[in-house]
C-alpha atoms as a PDB file:
ATOM      1  CA  MET A   1      12.331  -0.562  -8.947  1.00  0.00           C
ATOM      2  CA  SER A   2      15.494   1.772  -9.841  1.00  0.00           C
ATOM      3  CA  ASP A   3      13.572   4.500 -12.366  1.00  0.00           C
ATOM      4  CA  PRO A   4      15.421   7.870 -11.519  1.00  0.00           C
ATOM      5  CA  THR A   5      12.133   9.444 -12.241  1.00  0.00           C
ATOM      6  CA  PHE A   6       9.738   7.460 -10.194  1.00  0.00           C
ATOM      7  CA  ASP A   7       8.201   9.446  -7.015  1.00  0.00           C
ATOM      8  CA  TRP A   8       8.736   6.933  -4.120  1.00  0.00           C
ATOM      9  CA  ARG A   9       5.451   9.659  -2.730  1.00  0.00           C
ATOM     10  CA  PRO A  10       3.086   7.530  -3.224  1.00  0.00           C
ATOM     11  CA  PHE A  11       3.982   4.351  -2.921  1.00  0.00           C
ATOM     12  CA  GLY A  12       6.287   5.143   0.669  1.00  0.00           C
ATOM     13  CA  LEU A  13       2.027   6.643   2.250  1.00  0.00           C
ATOM     14  CA  ARG A  14       0.833   2.972   0.094  1.00  0.00           C
ATOM     15  CA  LEU A  15       3.414   1.109   2.112  1.00  0.00           C
ATOM     16  CA  ARG A  16       2.738   2.507   5.684  1.00  0.00           C
ATOM     17  CA  THR A  17      -1.086   2.137   4.807  1.00  0.00           C
ATOM     18  CA  ALA A  18      -0.867  -1.177   4.410  1.00  0.00           C
ATOM     19  CA  ARG A  19       1.674  -1.852   7.137  1.00  0.00           C
ATOM     20  CA  ILE A  20      -1.293   0.107   9.431  1.00  0.00           C
ATOM     21  CA  ALA A  21      -3.970  -2.716   7.895  1.00  0.00           C
ATOM     22  CA  LEU A  22      -1.635  -5.220   9.127  1.00  0.00           C
ATOM     23  CA  GLY A  23      -1.532  -3.614  12.555  1.00  0.00           C
ATOM     24  CA  LEU A  24       2.090  -3.691  12.795  1.00  0.00           C
ATOM     25  CA  THR A  25       5.417  -1.498  14.135  1.00  0.00           C
ATOM     26  CA  GLU A  26       7.529  -0.343  11.843  1.00  0.00           C
ATOM     27  CA  ALA A  27       9.921  -2.639  13.519  1.00  0.00           C
ATOM     28  CA  GLU A  28       8.227  -5.651  12.817  1.00  0.00           C
ATOM     29  CA  ALA A  29       8.205  -4.371   9.366  1.00  0.00           C
ATOM     30  CA  ALA A  30      10.932  -4.037   9.267  1.00  0.00           C
ATOM     31  CA  LYS A  31      12.833  -7.339  10.191  1.00  0.00           C
ATOM     32  CA  ALA A  32      10.612  -8.481   7.635  1.00  0.00           C
ATOM     33  CA  ALA A  33      11.545  -6.821   5.506  1.00  0.00           C
ATOM     34  CA  GLY A  34      15.074  -7.179   6.645  1.00  0.00           C
ATOM     35  CA  VAL A  35      16.211  -3.433   6.418  1.00  0.00           C
ATOM     36  CA  THR A  36      16.692  -1.596   9.550  1.00  0.00           C
ATOM     37  CA  ILE A  37      14.058   1.318  10.958  1.00  0.00           C
ATOM     38  CA  GLY A  38      15.913   4.088   9.676  1.00  0.00           C
ATOM     39  CA  THR A  39      15.626   2.041   6.604  1.00  0.00           C
ATOM     40  CA  TRP A  40      11.863   1.420   6.764  1.00  0.00           C
ATOM     41  CA  ARG A  41      11.236   4.597   8.075  1.00  0.00           C
ATOM     42  CA  ARG A  42      12.861   6.111   4.686  1.00  0.00           C
ATOM     43  CA  TYR A  43      10.616   3.824   2.720  1.00  0.00           C
ATOM     44  CA  GLU A  44       7.439   5.455   4.178  1.00  0.00           C
ATOM     45  CA  ALA A  45       8.727   8.499   3.916  1.00  0.00           C
ATOM     46  CA  GLY A  46       9.128   7.933   0.186  1.00  0.00           C
ATOM     47  CA  GLY A  47      12.606   6.434   0.138  1.00  0.00           C
ATOM     48  CA  ARG A  48      14.324   4.619  -2.570  1.00  0.00           C
ATOM     49  CA  VAL A  49      12.950   0.835  -2.514  1.00  0.00           C
ATOM     50  CA  ARG A  50      15.102  -1.991  -2.559  1.00  0.00           C
ATOM     51  CA  THR A  51      13.457  -4.656  -4.516  1.00  0.00           C
ATOM     52  CA  ARG A  52      14.811  -7.879  -2.398  1.00  0.00           C
ATOM     53  CA  ALA A  53      13.203  -6.302   0.755  1.00  0.00           C
ATOM     54  CA  MET A  54       9.219  -5.626  -1.068  1.00  0.00           C
ATOM     55  CA  VAL A  55       9.273  -9.003  -2.760  1.00  0.00           C
ATOM     56  CA  LYS A  56      10.310 -10.056   1.414  1.00  0.00           C
ATOM     57  CA  PHE A  57       8.167  -7.645   2.923  1.00  0.00           C
ATOM     58  CA  CYS A  58       4.863  -8.596   0.990  1.00  0.00           C
ATOM     59  CA  GLY A  59       5.391 -11.945  -0.011  1.00  0.00           C
ATOM     60  CA  LEU A  60       5.179 -12.713   3.994  1.00  0.00           C
ATOM     61  CA  TYR A  61       2.032 -10.693   4.652  1.00  0.00           C
ATOM     62  CA  SER A  62      -0.020 -10.588   1.405  1.00  0.00           C
ATOM     63  CA  VAL A  63       0.038  -7.124  -0.203  1.00  0.00           C
ATOM     64  CA  ASN A  64       0.218  -6.829  -3.637  1.00  0.00           C
ATOM     65  CA  LEU A  65       3.073  -5.358  -4.859  1.00  0.00           C
ATOM     66  CA  ASP A  66       1.462  -3.827  -8.099  1.00  0.00           C
ATOM     67  CA  TRP A  67      -1.134  -2.068  -5.711  1.00  0.00           C
ATOM     68  CA  LEU A  68       2.318  -0.552  -4.091  1.00  0.00           C
ATOM     69  CA  ILE A  69       3.831   0.434  -6.642  1.00  0.00           C
ATOM     70  CA  CYS A  70       0.909   1.777  -8.928  1.00  0.00           C
ATOM     71  CA  GLY A  71      -2.145   2.426  -7.007  1.00  0.00           C
ATOM     72  CA  ASP A  72      -4.543   0.722  -7.965  1.00  0.00           C
ATOM     73  CA  ALA A  73      -6.609  -0.327  -5.605  1.00  0.00           C
ATOM     74  CA  ARG A  74      -8.838  -2.841  -8.289  1.00  0.00           C
ATOM     75  CA  ARG A  75      -4.544  -4.601  -6.703  1.00  0.00           C
ATOM     76  CA  ILE A  76      -4.869  -4.570  -3.382  1.00  0.00           C
ATOM     77  CA  SER A  77      -4.770  -8.017  -1.227  1.00  0.00           C
ATOM     78  CA  PRO A  78      -7.491  -9.677   0.099  1.00  0.00           C
ATOM     79  CA  THR A  79      -5.549 -10.104   3.120  1.00  0.00           C
ATOM     80  CA  LEU A  80      -5.291  -5.778   3.352  1.00  0.00           C
ATOM     81  CA  LYS A  81      -9.199  -5.978   2.357  1.00  0.00           C
ATOM     82  CA  GLY A  82     -10.334  -8.923   4.400  1.00  0.00           C
ATOM     83  CA  ASN A  83      -8.354  -9.898   7.232  1.00  0.00           C
ATOM     84  CA  ALA A  84      -6.583  -6.420   8.588  1.00  0.00           C
ATOM     85  CA  ARG A  85      -6.251  -6.471  12.077  1.00  0.00           C
ATOM     86  CA  GLY A  86      -4.701  -2.303  12.135  1.00  0.00           C
ATOM     87  CA  LYS A  87      -6.495   0.922  12.055  1.00  0.00           C
ATOM     88  CA  ILE A  88      -7.608   0.963   8.679  1.00  0.00           C
ATOM     89  CA  VAL A  89      -9.892  -1.159   6.830  1.00  0.00           C
ATOM     90  CA  PHE A  90     -10.435  -1.032   2.945  1.00  0.00           C
ATOM     91  CA  LEU A  91     -13.914  -0.642   1.931  1.00  0.00           C
ATOM     92  CA  GLN A  92     -14.505  -1.177  -2.024  1.00  0.00           C
ATOM     93  CA  VAL A  93     -16.716   1.875  -3.424  1.00  0.00           C
ATOM     94  CA  ARG A  94     -18.432   0.798  -6.812  1.00  0.00           C
ATOM     95  CA  ASN A  95     -17.753   2.858  -9.458  1.00  0.00           C
ATOM     96  CA  ASP A  96     -22.544   3.360  -9.588  1.00  0.00           C
ATOM     97  CA  TRP A  97     -22.635   6.977 -11.251  1.00  0.00           C
ATOM     98  CA  GLN A  98     -20.226   6.655 -14.427  1.00  0.00           C
ATOM     99  CA  GLY A  99     -23.836   7.388 -17.353  1.00  0.00           C
ATOM    100  CA  MET A 100     -25.639   9.841 -15.590  1.00  0.00           C
ATOM    101  CA  ASP A 101     -26.721  12.919 -16.680  1.00  0.00           C
ATOM    102  CA  ASP A 102     -26.450  15.877 -13.825  1.00  0.00           C
ATOM    103  CA  ARG A 103     -29.067  15.774 -13.196  1.00  0.00           C
ATOM    104  CA  ARG A 104     -29.537  12.286 -11.761  1.00  0.00           C
ATOM    105  CA  LEU A 105     -26.569  13.931  -9.833  1.00  0.00           C
ATOM    106  CA  GLN A 106     -28.345  16.635  -7.840  1.00  0.00           C
ATOM    107  CA  ALA A 107     -31.679  14.408  -6.767  1.00  0.00           C
END
């Protein structure tokens, strides 16, 4: 996770989203990852992340690391989809409109 060209801001946003969805405080998430609160806040703000800390956090809370890195909504873990106890709920959205022409979309 040390690619100098990688933009960490979207990762940090997804990390914060996961923490809130799990109902964790920054202190609880930092402790789970084995880092200080200041380091955790830097992660959520888009700072570079230590792989070991994220593997530890993701393993403990069943958060999909691929989702955190890539943002592919199909990879959101079942924990965040169905068992989240925080203030954010993940909804599965279907894309049924592919292939529709403009007339059907305006109806």
